[in-house]
Amino acid sequence: MAEVGDIEVVVFDVLGTMVDETSGLRTEIREAVPDGDVDELIVLWQQHVELEQQRIARGRRAYANSEVIDGEAARRVAERAGITDPAAIERLATAGQRLPAWGDSAAGLERLARRFPVLGLSNAARAALLRLNAHAGLRWHQALSGETASAYKPAPEVYQLAIDSAGCPPERILMVAAHAWDLRGARATGMRTAYVHRPVGDPPTSTDVFDWQCNGLPELVDELTAG
Protein backbone atom coordinates (compact mmCIF):
# COMPACT_ATOMS: atom_id res chain seq x y z
CA MET A 1 0.00 0.00 0.00
CA ALA A 2 1.21 3.49 -0.84
CA GLU A 3 1.92 6.23 1.67
CA VAL A 4 0.97 9.85 1.02
CA GLY A 5 4.64 10.72 0.94
CA ASP A 6 5.08 8.38 -2.03
CA ILE A 7 2.75 10.47 -4.21
CA GLU A 8 4.00 13.30 -6.41
CA VAL A 9 1.14 13.72 -8.90
CA VAL A 10 -2.60 12.99 -8.71
CA VAL A 11 -4.51 11.98 -11.84
CA PHE A 12 -8.31 11.86 -12.01
CA ASP A 13 -10.73 10.11 -14.26
CA VAL A 14 -13.36 12.66 -15.28
CA LEU A 15 -16.52 10.96 -16.56
CA GLY A 16 -18.43 9.49 -13.64
CA THR A 17 -15.71 10.38 -11.14
CA MET A 18 -15.74 14.18 -11.31
CA VAL A 19 -18.96 14.70 -13.27
CA ASP A 20 -22.32 12.95 -12.99
CA GLU A 21 -22.52 11.47 -16.46
CA THR A 22 -25.79 9.57 -16.04
CA SER A 23 -27.69 12.49 -14.51
CA GLY A 24 -26.39 14.83 -17.18
CA LEU A 25 -27.43 12.51 -19.99
CA ARG A 26 -30.84 12.08 -18.39
CA THR A 27 -31.36 15.85 -18.33
CA GLU A 28 -30.30 16.28 -21.95
CA ILE A 29 -32.41 13.38 -23.23
CA ARG A 30 -35.45 14.51 -21.26
CA GLU A 31 -35.08 17.97 -22.80
CA ALA A 32 -34.93 16.46 -26.29
CA VAL A 33 -37.67 13.86 -25.70
CA PRO A 34 -40.04 15.18 -23.02
CA ASP A 35 -42.51 12.31 -23.45
CA GLY A 36 -40.00 9.51 -24.05
CA ASP A 37 -38.80 6.68 -21.84
CA VAL A 38 -35.67 8.45 -20.66
CA ASP A 39 -34.20 5.48 -18.81
CA GLU A 40 -34.55 3.25 -21.88
CA LEU A 41 -32.92 5.89 -24.06
CA ILE A 42 -30.01 6.34 -21.64
CA VAL A 43 -29.36 2.60 -21.75
CA LEU A 44 -29.47 2.71 -25.56
CA TRP A 45 -26.92 5.55 -25.56
CA GLN A 46 -24.59 3.96 -23.04
CA GLN A 47 -24.72 0.54 -24.68
CA HIS A 48 -23.75 2.04 -28.02
CA VAL A 49 -20.81 3.94 -26.54
CA GLU A 50 -19.56 0.90 -24.62
CA LEU A 51 -19.91 -1.41 -27.62
CA GLU A 52 -18.08 0.92 -30.00
CA GLN A 53 -15.24 1.51 -27.55
CA GLN A 54 -14.89 -2.25 -27.15
CA ARG A 55 -14.84 -2.71 -30.93
CA ILE A 56 -12.05 -0.15 -31.19
CA ALA A 57 -10.11 -1.83 -28.38
CA ARG A 58 -10.39 -5.21 -30.16
CA GLY A 59 -9.26 -3.81 -33.50
CA ARG A 60 -12.66 -4.26 -35.12
CA ARG A 61 -13.05 -0.55 -35.78
CA ALA A 62 -10.58 2.23 -36.47
CA TYR A 63 -10.27 4.76 -33.67
CA ALA A 64 -13.07 7.33 -33.56
CA ASN A 65 -13.13 9.96 -30.85
CA SER A 66 -15.93 10.43 -28.35
CA GLU A 67 -17.56 13.20 -30.36
CA VAL A 68 -18.05 10.81 -33.27
CA ILE A 69 -19.39 8.02 -31.08
CA ASP A 70 -21.65 10.36 -29.10
CA GLY A 71 -23.01 11.64 -32.41
CA GLU A 72 -23.84 8.08 -33.41
CA ALA A 73 -25.50 7.47 -30.03
CA ALA A 74 -27.54 10.65 -30.39
CA ARG A 75 -28.79 9.56 -33.80
CA ARG A 76 -29.78 6.16 -32.44
CA VAL A 77 -31.69 7.80 -29.60
CA ALA A 78 -33.33 10.21 -32.04
CA GLU A 79 -34.38 7.38 -34.33
CA ARG A 80 -35.84 5.40 -31.43
CA ALA A 81 -37.68 8.46 -30.09
CA GLY A 82 -38.83 9.74 -33.48
CA ILE A 83 -36.84 12.99 -33.37
CA THR A 84 -36.24 14.48 -36.81
CA ASP A 85 -35.16 18.05 -36.02
CA PRO A 86 -31.47 18.29 -37.02
CA ALA A 87 -30.78 21.03 -34.47
CA ALA A 88 -32.20 18.93 -31.64
CA ILE A 89 -30.13 15.93 -32.71
CA GLU A 90 -26.98 18.05 -32.95
CA ARG A 91 -27.54 19.46 -29.47
CA LEU A 92 -28.09 15.96 -28.10
CA ALA A 93 -24.84 14.83 -29.72
CA THR A 94 -22.95 17.36 -27.57
CA ALA A 95 -24.65 16.36 -24.31
CA GLY A 96 -21.34 15.05 -22.98
CA GLN A 97 -20.00 18.60 -22.92
CA ARG A 98 -22.65 19.77 -20.44
CA LEU A 99 -22.47 17.19 -17.66
CA PRO A 100 -22.75 18.54 -14.11
CA ALA A 101 -19.91 18.20 -11.63
CA TRP A 102 -20.55 16.25 -8.46
CA GLY A 103 -21.07 18.67 -5.60
CA ASP A 104 -17.67 18.03 -4.04
CA SER A 105 -15.58 17.89 -7.22
CA ALA A 106 -14.50 21.49 -7.77
CA ALA A 107 -13.71 22.15 -4.11
CA GLY A 108 -11.87 18.85 -3.69
CA LEU A 109 -9.82 19.48 -6.81
CA GLU A 110 -8.93 22.97 -5.63
CA ARG A 111 -7.76 21.66 -2.26
CA LEU A 112 -5.60 18.97 -3.81
CA ALA A 113 -4.13 21.39 -6.34
CA ARG A 114 -2.57 23.37 -3.50
CA ARG A 115 -0.42 20.36 -2.66
CA PHE A 116 -0.05 18.27 -5.83
CA PRO A 117 -0.05 18.75 -9.58
CA VAL A 118 -3.50 17.50 -10.61
CA LEU A 119 -4.28 16.06 -14.03
CA GLY A 120 -7.52 15.00 -15.65
CA LEU A 121 -7.33 11.87 -17.81
CA SER A 122 -10.43 11.17 -19.85
CA ASN A 123 -11.81 9.14 -22.71
CA ALA A 124 -13.57 12.31 -23.86
CA ALA A 125 -12.22 13.89 -27.05
CA ARG A 126 -9.93 16.88 -26.62
CA ALA A 127 -12.44 19.53 -27.70
CA ALA A 128 -15.27 17.89 -25.75
CA LEU A 129 -13.09 17.65 -22.64
CA LEU A 130 -12.17 21.33 -22.88
CA ARG A 131 -15.81 22.36 -22.96
CA LEU A 132 -16.83 19.88 -20.29
CA ASN A 133 -14.18 21.14 -17.88
CA ALA A 134 -15.27 24.73 -18.48
CA HIS A 135 -18.94 23.86 -17.97
CA ALA A 136 -18.30 21.83 -14.80
CA GLY A 137 -15.81 24.27 -13.29
CA LEU A 138 -12.97 21.74 -13.13
CA ARG A 139 -9.58 23.45 -13.05
CA TRP A 140 -6.71 21.12 -13.79
CA HIS A 141 -3.03 21.79 -14.09
CA GLN A 142 -3.36 19.70 -17.23
CA ALA A 143 -6.23 17.81 -18.88
CA LEU A 144 -5.36 14.84 -21.07
CA SER A 145 -7.57 13.07 -23.60
CA GLY A 146 -7.27 9.51 -24.80
CA GLU A 147 -7.73 10.98 -28.27
CA THR A 148 -4.03 11.91 -28.16
CA ALA A 149 -3.21 8.19 -27.99
CA SER A 150 -6.04 7.20 -30.36
CA ALA A 151 -7.29 4.85 -27.66
CA TYR A 152 -9.75 4.51 -24.80
CA LYS A 153 -9.04 3.52 -21.24
CA PRO A 154 -8.22 0.92 -20.04
CA ALA A 155 -5.71 0.72 -22.91
CA PRO A 156 -2.25 1.21 -21.36
CA GLU A 157 -1.25 3.89 -23.84
CA VAL A 158 -3.86 6.23 -22.34
CA TYR A 159 -2.38 5.95 -18.85
CA GLN A 160 1.05 6.40 -20.42
CA LEU A 161 -0.05 9.91 -21.43
CA ALA A 162 -0.34 10.80 -17.74
CA ILE A 163 2.91 9.07 -16.84
CA ASP A 164 4.76 10.96 -19.57
CA SER A 165 3.21 14.28 -18.56
CA ALA A 166 3.94 13.73 -14.87
CA GLY A 167 7.61 13.15 -15.53
CA CYS A 168 8.04 10.78 -12.60
CA PRO A 169 7.88 7.01 -12.10
CA PRO A 170 4.35 5.55 -12.28
CA GLU A 171 4.56 4.36 -8.68
CA ARG A 172 4.65 8.02 -7.64
CA ILE A 173 1.46 8.84 -9.54
CA LEU A 174 -1.96 8.29 -7.99
CA MET A 175 -4.89 7.47 -10.28
CA VAL A 176 -8.28 8.35 -8.79
CA ALA A 177 -11.50 6.92 -10.22
CA ALA A 178 -14.99 5.76 -9.34
CA HIS A 179 -14.56 2.79 -11.69
CA ALA A 180 -12.67 -0.30 -10.62
CA TRP A 181 -12.03 -1.25 -14.26
CA ASP A 182 -10.23 2.07 -14.73
CA LEU A 183 -8.08 1.55 -11.66
CA ARG A 184 -7.17 -1.97 -12.75
CA GLY A 185 -5.89 -0.51 -16.01
CA ALA A 186 -3.88 2.14 -14.18
CA ARG A 187 -2.46 -0.39 -11.74
CA ALA A 188 -1.27 -2.56 -14.63
CA THR A 189 0.98 0.32 -15.74
CA GLY A 190 2.46 0.67 -12.25
CA MET A 191 0.40 3.63 -11.06
CA ARG A 192 -0.95 3.88 -7.52
CA THR A 193 -4.73 3.71 -7.24
CA ALA A 194 -7.55 5.28 -5.24
CA TYR A 195 -11.19 4.25 -5.52
CA VAL A 196 -13.72 6.98 -4.73
CA HIS A 197 -17.34 5.90 -4.35
CA ARG A 198 -19.96 7.53 -6.55
CA PRO A 199 -23.61 6.46 -6.87
CA VAL A 200 -23.15 5.35 -10.48
CA GLY A 201 -19.57 4.04 -10.41
CA ASP A 202 -18.13 0.57 -10.79
CA PRO A 203 -17.26 -0.57 -7.25
CA PRO A 204 -14.34 -2.86 -6.46
CA THR A 205 -14.82 -6.59 -6.16
CA SER A 206 -13.53 -8.67 -3.28
CA THR A 207 -10.37 -9.42 -5.25
CA ASP A 208 -9.46 -5.79 -6.02
CA VAL A 209 -6.64 -4.28 -4.01
CA PHE A 210 -6.29 -0.52 -4.36
CA ASP A 211 -4.06 1.78 -2.32
CA TRP A 212 -7.02 3.81 -1.09
CA GLN A 213 -10.74 3.02 -0.99
CA CYS A 214 -12.84 6.00 0.10
CA ASN A 215 -16.53 6.65 0.59
CA GLY A 216 -16.22 9.96 -1.23
CA LEU A 217 -13.82 12.53 -2.60
CA PRO A 218 -13.64 14.61 0.62
CA GLU A 219 -12.38 11.56 2.51
CA LEU A 220 -9.59 11.01 -0.01
CA VAL A 221 -8.65 14.70 -0.07
CA ASP A 222 -8.48 14.74 3.73
CA GLU A 223 -6.13 11.76 3.72
CA LEU A 224 -3.88 13.17 1.01
CA THR A 225 -3.62 16.63 2.55
CA ALA A 226 -3.39 15.70 6.23
CA GLY A 227 -0.42 17.31 7.95
C-alpha atoms as a PDB file:
ATOM      1  CA  MET A   1       0.000   0.000   0.000  1.00  0.00           C
ATOM      2  CA  ALA A   2       1.214   3.488  -0.837  1.00  0.00           C
ATOM      3  CA  GLU A   3       1.922   6.231   1.668  1.00  0.00           C
ATOM      4  CA  VAL A   4       0.967   9.846   1.020  1.00  0.00           C
ATOM      5  CA  GLY A   5       4.643  10.717   0.940  1.00  0.00           C
ATOM      6  CA  ASP A   6       5.084   8.379  -2.035  1.00  0.00           C
ATOM      7  CA  ILE A   7       2.753  10.472  -4.209  1.00  0.00           C
ATOM      8  CA  GLU A   8       4.001  13.300  -6.411  1.00  0.00           C
ATOM      9  CA  VAL A   9       1.144  13.717  -8.898  1.00  0.00           C
ATOM     10  CA  VAL A  10      -2.598  12.987  -8.708  1.00  0.00           C
ATOM     11  CA  VAL A  11      -4.512  11.978 -11.840  1.00  0.00           C
ATOM     12  CA  PHE A  12      -8.313  11.857 -12.008  1.00  0.00           C
ATOM     13  CA  ASP A  13     -10.730  10.113 -14.259  1.00  0.00           C
ATOM     14  CA  VAL A  14     -13.364  12.658 -15.277  1.00  0.00           C
ATOM     15  CA  LEU A  15     -16.523  10.957 -16.565  1.00  0.00           C
ATOM     16  CA  GLY A  16     -18.431   9.491 -13.638  1.00  0.00           C
ATOM     17  CA  THR A  17     -15.710  10.380 -11.141  1.00  0.00           C
ATOM     18  CA  MET A  18     -15.745  14.179 -11.311  1.00  0.00           C
ATOM     19  CA  VAL A  19     -18.961  14.700 -13.272  1.00  0.00           C
ATOM     20  CA  ASP A  20     -22.325  12.954 -12.990  1.00  0.00           C
ATOM     21  CA  GLU A  21     -22.520  11.472 -16.464  1.00  0.00           C
ATOM     22  CA  THR A  22     -25.787   9.571 -16.035  1.00  0.00           C
ATOM     23  CA  SER A  23     -27.689  12.492 -14.513  1.00  0.00           C
ATOM     24  CA  GLY A  24     -26.387  14.833 -17.185  1.00  0.00           C
ATOM     25  CA  LEU A  25     -27.432  12.514 -19.992  1.00  0.00           C
ATOM     26  CA  ARG A  26     -30.837  12.076 -18.388  1.00  0.00           C
ATOM     27  CA  THR A  27     -31.363  15.846 -18.329  1.00  0.00           C
ATOM     28  CA  GLU A  28     -30.304  16.280 -21.947  1.00  0.00           C
ATOM     29  CA  ILE A  29     -32.407  13.383 -23.230  1.00  0.00           C
ATOM     30  CA  ARG A  30     -35.445  14.514 -21.258  1.00  0.00           C
ATOM     31  CA  GLU A  31     -35.080  17.971 -22.799  1.00  0.00           C
ATOM     32  CA  ALA A  32     -34.934  16.463 -26.288  1.00  0.00           C
ATOM     33  CA  VAL A  33     -37.665  13.855 -25.698  1.00  0.00           C
ATOM     34  CA  PRO A  34     -40.041  15.180 -23.015  1.00  0.00           C
ATOM     35  CA  ASP A  35     -42.506  12.308 -23.447  1.00  0.00           C
ATOM     36  CA  GLY A  36     -39.998   9.507 -24.049  1.00  0.00           C
ATOM     37  CA  ASP A  37     -38.797   6.675 -21.840  1.00  0.00           C
ATOM     38  CA  VAL A  38     -35.665   8.452 -20.658  1.00  0.00           C
ATOM     39  CA  ASP A  39     -34.200   5.475 -18.814  1.00  0.00           C
ATOM     40  CA  GLU A  40     -34.554   3.250 -21.879  1.00  0.00           C
ATOM     41  CA  LEU A  41     -32.917   5.885 -24.064  1.00  0.00           C
ATOM     42  CA  ILE A  42     -30.013   6.344 -21.640  1.00  0.00           C
ATOM     43  CA  VAL A  43     -29.360   2.603 -21.749  1.00  0.00           C
ATOM     44  CA  LEU A  44     -29.469   2.706 -25.559  1.00  0.00           C
ATOM     45  CA  TRP A  45     -26.924   5.545 -25.563  1.00  0.00           C
ATOM     46  CA  GLN A  46     -24.587   3.956 -23.037  1.00  0.00           C
ATOM     47  CA  GLN A  47     -24.718   0.536 -24.682  1.00  0.00           C
ATOM     48  CA  HIS A  48     -23.749   2.044 -28.021  1.00  0.00           C
ATOM     49  CA  VAL A  49     -20.808   3.945 -26.539  1.00  0.00           C
ATOM     50  CA  GLU A  50     -19.565   0.905 -24.625  1.00  0.00           C
ATOM     51  CA  LEU A  51     -19.910  -1.413 -27.625  1.00  0.00           C
ATOM     52  CA  GLU A  52     -18.077   0.924 -29.998  1.00  0.00           C
ATOM     53  CA  GLN A  53     -15.236   1.515 -27.555  1.00  0.00           C
ATOM     54  CA  GLN A  54     -14.894  -2.250 -27.152  1.00  0.00           C
ATOM     55  CA  ARG A  55     -14.838  -2.713 -30.929  1.00  0.00           C
ATOM     56  CA  ILE A  56     -12.049  -0.153 -31.191  1.00  0.00           C
ATOM     57  CA  ALA A  57     -10.106  -1.832 -28.382  1.00  0.00           C
ATOM     58  CA  ARG A  58     -10.390  -5.207 -30.161  1.00  0.00           C
ATOM     59  CA  GLY A  59      -9.256  -3.807 -33.501  1.00  0.00           C
ATOM     60  CA  ARG A  60     -12.659  -4.264 -35.122  1.00  0.00           C
ATOM     61  CA  ARG A  61     -13.051  -0.554 -35.784  1.00  0.00           C
ATOM     62  CA  ALA A  62     -10.576   2.230 -36.467  1.00  0.00           C
ATOM     63  CA  TYR A  63     -10.269   4.762 -33.672  1.00  0.00           C
ATOM     64  CA  ALA A  64     -13.067   7.327 -33.562  1.00  0.00           C
ATOM     65  CA  ASN A  65     -13.133   9.962 -30.849  1.00  0.00           C
ATOM     66  CA  SER A  66     -15.926  10.427 -28.347  1.00  0.00           C
ATOM     67  CA  GLU A  67     -17.562  13.203 -30.361  1.00  0.00           C
ATOM     68  CA  VAL A  68     -18.049  10.810 -33.273  1.00  0.00           C
ATOM     69  CA  ILE A  69     -19.388   8.016 -31.075  1.00  0.00           C
ATOM     70  CA  ASP A  70     -21.649  10.364 -29.102  1.00  0.00           C
ATOM     71  CA  GLY A  71     -23.015  11.636 -32.408  1.00  0.00           C
ATOM     72  CA  GLU A  72     -23.841   8.077 -33.408  1.00  0.00           C
ATOM     73  CA  ALA A  73     -25.497   7.474 -30.034  1.00  0.00           C
ATOM     74  CA  ALA A  74     -27.539  10.650 -30.386  1.00  0.00           C
ATOM     75  CA  ARG A  75     -28.791   9.564 -33.796  1.00  0.00           C
ATOM     76  CA  ARG A  76     -29.777   6.156 -32.441  1.00  0.00           C
ATOM     77  CA  VAL A  77     -31.687   7.803 -29.596  1.00  0.00           C
ATOM     78  CA  ALA A  78     -33.327  10.213 -32.036  1.00  0.00           C
ATOM     79  CA  GLU A  79     -34.381   7.381 -34.333  1.00  0.00           C
ATOM     80  CA  ARG A  80     -35.844   5.398 -31.432  1.00  0.00           C
ATOM     81  CA  ALA A  81     -37.679   8.462 -30.095  1.00  0.00           C
ATOM     82  CA  GLY A  82     -38.834   9.742 -33.479  1.00  0.00           C
ATOM     83  CA  ILE A  83     -36.839  12.985 -33.372  1.00  0.00           C
ATOM     84  CA  THR A  84     -36.235  14.483 -36.813  1.00  0.00           C
ATOM     85  CA  ASP A  85     -35.164  18.053 -36.019  1.00  0.00           C
ATOM     86  CA  PRO A  86     -31.468  18.294 -37.024  1.00  0.00           C
ATOM     87  CA  ALA A  87     -30.784  21.032 -34.465  1.00  0.00           C
ATOM     88  CA  ALA A  88     -32.204  18.927 -31.640  1.00  0.00           C
ATOM     89  CA  ILE A  89     -30.127  15.926 -32.710  1.00  0.00           C
ATOM     90  CA  GLU A  90     -26.979  18.045 -32.948  1.00  0.00           C
ATOM     91  CA  ARG A  91     -27.537  19.456 -29.472  1.00  0.00           C
ATOM     92  CA  LEU A  92     -28.094  15.959 -28.099  1.00  0.00           C
ATOM     93  CA  ALA A  93     -24.835  14.832 -29.717  1.00  0.00           C
ATOM     94  CA  THR A  94     -22.951  17.364 -27.569  1.00  0.00           C
ATOM     95  CA  ALA A  95     -24.653  16.360 -24.307  1.00  0.00           C
ATOM     96  CA  GLY A  96     -21.338  15.054 -22.976  1.00  0.00           C
ATOM     97  CA  GLN A  97     -20.000  18.601 -22.924  1.00  0.00           C
ATOM     98  CA  ARG A  98     -22.646  19.771 -20.440  1.00  0.00           C
ATOM     99  CA  LEU A  99     -22.473  17.193 -17.662  1.00  0.00           C
ATOM    100  CA  PRO A 100     -22.750  18.543 -14.105  1.00  0.00           C
ATOM    101  CA  ALA A 101     -19.908  18.199 -11.634  1.00  0.00           C
ATOM    102  CA  TRP A 102     -20.545  16.252  -8.462  1.00  0.00           C
ATOM    103  CA  GLY A 103     -21.075  18.674  -5.603  1.00  0.00           C
ATOM    104  CA  ASP A 104     -17.666  18.034  -4.040  1.00  0.00           C
ATOM    105  CA  SER A 105     -15.584  17.888  -7.219  1.00  0.00           C
ATOM    106  CA  ALA A 106     -14.499  21.487  -7.766  1.00  0.00           C
ATOM    107  CA  ALA A 107     -13.707  22.149  -4.114  1.00  0.00           C
ATOM    108  CA  GLY A 108     -11.869  18.853  -3.692  1.00  0.00           C
ATOM    109  CA  LEU A 109      -9.824  19.475  -6.807  1.00  0.00           C
ATOM    110  CA  GLU A 110      -8.933  22.967  -5.632  1.00  0.00           C
ATOM    111  CA  ARG A 111      -7.760  21.657  -2.256  1.00  0.00           C
ATOM    112  CA  LEU A 112      -5.597  18.966  -3.811  1.00  0.00           C
ATOM    113  CA  ALA A 113      -4.134  21.393  -6.342  1.00  0.00           C
ATOM    114  CA  ARG A 114      -2.565  23.369  -3.502  1.00  0.00           C
ATOM    115  CA  ARG A 115      -0.421  20.357  -2.664  1.00  0.00           C
ATOM    116  CA  PHE A 116      -0.052  18.270  -5.831  1.00  0.00           C
ATOM    117  CA  PRO A 117      -0.048  18.751  -9.577  1.00  0.00           C
ATOM    118  CA  VAL A 118      -3.501  17.498 -10.610  1.00  0.00           C
ATOM    119  CA  LEU A 119      -4.279  16.065 -14.026  1.00  0.00           C
ATOM    120  CA  GLY A 120      -7.524  14.996 -15.653  1.00  0.00           C
ATOM    121  CA  LEU A 121      -7.326  11.870 -17.811  1.00  0.00           C
ATOM    122  CA  SER A 122     -10.426  11.171 -19.848  1.00  0.00           C
ATOM    123  CA  ASN A 123     -11.806   9.139 -22.712  1.00  0.00           C
ATOM    124  CA  ALA A 124     -13.572  12.307 -23.865  1.00  0.00           C
ATOM    125  CA  ALA A 125     -12.223  13.886 -27.048  1.00  0.00           C
ATOM    126  CA  ARG A 126      -9.928  16.883 -26.616  1.00  0.00           C
ATOM    127  CA  ALA A 127     -12.444  19.526 -27.697  1.00  0.00           C
ATOM    128  CA  ALA A 128     -15.269  17.892 -25.747  1.00  0.00           C
ATOM    129  CA  LEU A 129     -13.090  17.649 -22.638  1.00  0.00           C
ATOM    130  CA  LEU A 130     -12.167  21.329 -22.884  1.00  0.00           C
ATOM    131  CA  ARG A 131     -15.813  22.359 -22.960  1.00  0.00           C
ATOM    132  CA  LEU A 132     -16.833  19.875 -20.288  1.00  0.00           C
ATOM    133  CA  ASN A 133     -14.182  21.142 -17.881  1.00  0.00           C
ATOM    134  CA  ALA A 134     -15.272  24.732 -18.482  1.00  0.00           C
ATOM    135  CA  HIS A 135     -18.944  23.856 -17.966  1.00  0.00           C
ATOM    136  CA  ALA A 136     -18.305  21.831 -14.799  1.00  0.00           C
ATOM    137  CA  GLY A 137     -15.807  24.274 -13.292  1.00  0.00           C
ATOM    138  CA  LEU A 138     -12.972  21.740 -13.128  1.00  0.00           C
ATOM    139  CA  ARG A 139      -9.576  23.453 -13.052  1.00  0.00           C
ATOM    140  CA  TRP A 140      -6.713  21.119 -13.793  1.00  0.00           C
ATOM    141  CA  HIS A 141      -3.028  21.792 -14.088  1.00  0.00           C
ATOM    142  CA  GLN A 142      -3.361  19.702 -17.229  1.00  0.00           C
ATOM    143  CA  ALA A 143      -6.227  17.812 -18.880  1.00  0.00           C
ATOM    144  CA  LEU A 144      -5.360  14.835 -21.072  1.00  0.00           C
ATOM    145  CA  SER A 145      -7.569  13.074 -23.597  1.00  0.00           C
ATOM    146  CA  GLY A 146      -7.269   9.514 -24.798  1.00  0.00           C
ATOM    147  CA  GLU A 147      -7.730  10.980 -28.269  1.00  0.00           C
ATOM    148  CA  THR A 148      -4.034  11.908 -28.155  1.00  0.00           C
ATOM    149  CA  ALA A 149      -3.207   8.190 -27.985  1.00  0.00           C
ATOM    150  CA  SER A 150      -6.040   7.203 -30.358  1.00  0.00           C
ATOM    151  CA  ALA A 151      -7.294   4.850 -27.657  1.00  0.00           C
ATOM    152  CA  TYR A 152      -9.750   4.509 -24.803  1.00  0.00           C
ATOM    153  CA  LYS A 153      -9.044   3.518 -21.238  1.00  0.00           C
ATOM    154  CA  PRO A 154      -8.224   0.925 -20.044  1.00  0.00           C
ATOM    155  CA  ALA A 155      -5.707   0.721 -22.908  1.00  0.00           C
ATOM    156  CA  PRO A 156      -2.249   1.206 -21.357  1.00  0.00           C
ATOM    157  CA  GLU A 157      -1.253   3.893 -23.842  1.00  0.00           C
ATOM    158  CA  VAL A 158      -3.862   6.233 -22.343  1.00  0.00           C
ATOM    159  CA  TYR A 159      -2.378   5.948 -18.849  1.00  0.00           C
ATOM    160  CA  GLN A 160       1.052   6.404 -20.415  1.00  0.00           C
ATOM    161  CA  LEU A 161      -0.045   9.910 -21.425  1.00  0.00           C
ATOM    162  CA  ALA A 162      -0.342  10.801 -17.740  1.00  0.00           C
ATOM    163  CA  ILE A 163       2.914   9.074 -16.843  1.00  0.00           C
ATOM    164  CA  ASP A 164       4.764  10.959 -19.566  1.00  0.00           C
ATOM    165  CA  SER A 165       3.212  14.281 -18.560  1.00  0.00           C
ATOM    166  CA  ALA A 166       3.940  13.734 -14.867  1.00  0.00           C
ATOM    167  CA  GLY A 167       7.614  13.148 -15.527  1.00  0.00           C
ATOM    168  CA  CYS A 168       8.042  10.781 -12.604  1.00  0.00           C
ATOM    169  CA  PRO A 169       7.879   7.010 -12.102  1.00  0.00           C
ATOM    170  CA  PRO A 170       4.351   5.553 -12.282  1.00  0.00           C
ATOM    171  CA  GLU A 171       4.559   4.359  -8.685  1.00  0.00           C
ATOM    172  CA  ARG A 172       4.651   8.021  -7.639  1.00  0.00           C
ATOM    173  CA  ILE A 173       1.461   8.843  -9.544  1.00  0.00           C
ATOM    174  CA  LEU A 174      -1.964   8.294  -7.992  1.00  0.00           C
ATOM    175  CA  MET A 175      -4.888   7.472 -10.282  1.00  0.00           C
ATOM    176  CA  VAL A 176      -8.282   8.351  -8.790  1.00  0.00           C
ATOM    177  CA  ALA A 177     -11.498   6.917 -10.220  1.00  0.00           C
ATOM    178  CA  ALA A 178     -14.986   5.758  -9.337  1.00  0.00           C
ATOM    179  CA  HIS A 179     -14.556   2.795 -11.695  1.00  0.00           C
ATOM    180  CA  ALA A 180     -12.674  -0.305 -10.617  1.00  0.00           C
ATOM    181  CA  TRP A 181     -12.030  -1.249 -14.265  1.00  0.00           C
ATOM    182  CA  ASP A 182     -10.227   2.070 -14.734  1.00  0.00           C
ATOM    183  CA  LEU A 183      -8.083   1.546 -11.659  1.00  0.00           C
ATOM    184  CA  ARG A 184      -7.173  -1.974 -12.751  1.00  0.00           C
ATOM    185  CA  GLY A 185      -5.895  -0.511 -16.006  1.00  0.00           C
ATOM    186  CA  ALA A 186      -3.875   2.136 -14.182  1.00  0.00           C
ATOM    187  CA  ARG A 187      -2.457  -0.387 -11.736  1.00  0.00           C
ATOM    188  CA  ALA A 188      -1.272  -2.558 -14.632  1.00  0.00           C
ATOM    189  CA  THR A 189       0.984   0.320 -15.738  1.00  0.00           C
ATOM    190  CA  GLY A 190       2.463   0.673 -12.255  1.00  0.00           C
ATOM    191  CA  MET A 191       0.402   3.631 -11.055  1.00  0.00           C
ATOM    192  CA  ARG A 192      -0.955   3.882  -7.522  1.00  0.00           C
ATOM    193  CA  THR A 193      -4.730   3.714  -7.242  1.00  0.00           C
ATOM    194  CA  ALA A 194      -7.548   5.280  -5.241  1.00  0.00           C
ATOM    195  CA  TYR A 195     -11.189   4.252  -5.522  1.00  0.00           C
ATOM    196  CA  VAL A 196     -13.724   6.978  -4.733  1.00  0.00           C
ATOM    197  CA  HIS A 197     -17.340   5.899  -4.350  1.00  0.00           C
ATOM    198  CA  ARG A 198     -19.958   7.532  -6.550  1.00  0.00           C
ATOM    199  CA  PRO A 199     -23.615   6.463  -6.870  1.00  0.00           C
ATOM    200  CA  VAL A 200     -23.150   5.345 -10.481  1.00  0.00           C
ATOM    201  CA  GLY A 201     -19.573   4.044 -10.412  1.00  0.00           C
ATOM    202  CA  ASP A 202     -18.126   0.568 -10.794  1.00  0.00           C
ATOM    203  CA  PRO A 203     -17.265  -0.573  -7.249  1.00  0.00           C
ATOM    204  CA  PRO A 204     -14.341  -2.863  -6.455  1.00  0.00           C
ATOM    205  CA  THR A 205     -14.818  -6.592  -6.162  1.00  0.00           C
ATOM    206  CA  SER A 206     -13.534  -8.674  -3.277  1.00  0.00           C
ATOM    207  CA  THR A 207     -10.372  -9.416  -5.255  1.00  0.00           C
ATOM    208  CA  ASP A 208      -9.461  -5.791  -6.021  1.00  0.00           C
ATOM    209  CA  VAL A 209      -6.635  -4.281  -4.013  1.00  0.00           C
ATOM    210  CA  PHE A 210      -6.291  -0.516  -4.355  1.00  0.00           C
ATOM    211  CA  ASP A 211      -4.057   1.777  -2.318  1.00  0.00           C
ATOM    212  CA  TRP A 212      -7.021   3.812  -1.088  1.00  0.00           C
ATOM    213  CA  GLN A 213     -10.741   3.022  -0.988  1.00  0.00           C
ATOM    214  CA  CYS A 214     -12.839   5.997   0.097  1.00  0.00           C
ATOM    215  CA  ASN A 215     -16.531   6.650   0.589  1.00  0.00           C
ATOM    216  CA  GLY A 216     -16.222   9.957  -1.235  1.00  0.00           C
ATOM    217  CA  LEU A 217     -13.822  12.525  -2.598  1.00  0.00           C
ATOM    218  CA  PRO A 218     -13.645  14.607   0.620  1.00  0.00           C
ATOM    219  CA  GLU A 219     -12.379  11.564   2.514  1.00  0.00           C
ATOM    220  CA  LEU A 220      -9.591  11.008  -0.005  1.00  0.00           C
ATOM    221  CA  VAL A 221      -8.651  14.696  -0.072  1.00  0.00           C
ATOM    222  CA  ASP A 222      -8.479  14.740   3.729  1.00  0.00           C
ATOM    223  CA  GLU A 223      -6.127  11.765   3.724  1.00  0.00           C
ATOM    224  CA  LEU A 224      -3.876  13.165   1.012  1.00  0.00           C
ATOM    225  CA  THR A 225      -3.623  16.630   2.549  1.00  0.00           C
ATOM    226  CA  ALA A 226      -3.385  15.701   6.235  1.00  0.00           C
ATOM    227  CA  GLY A 227      -0.421  17.310   7.945  1.00  0.00           C
END
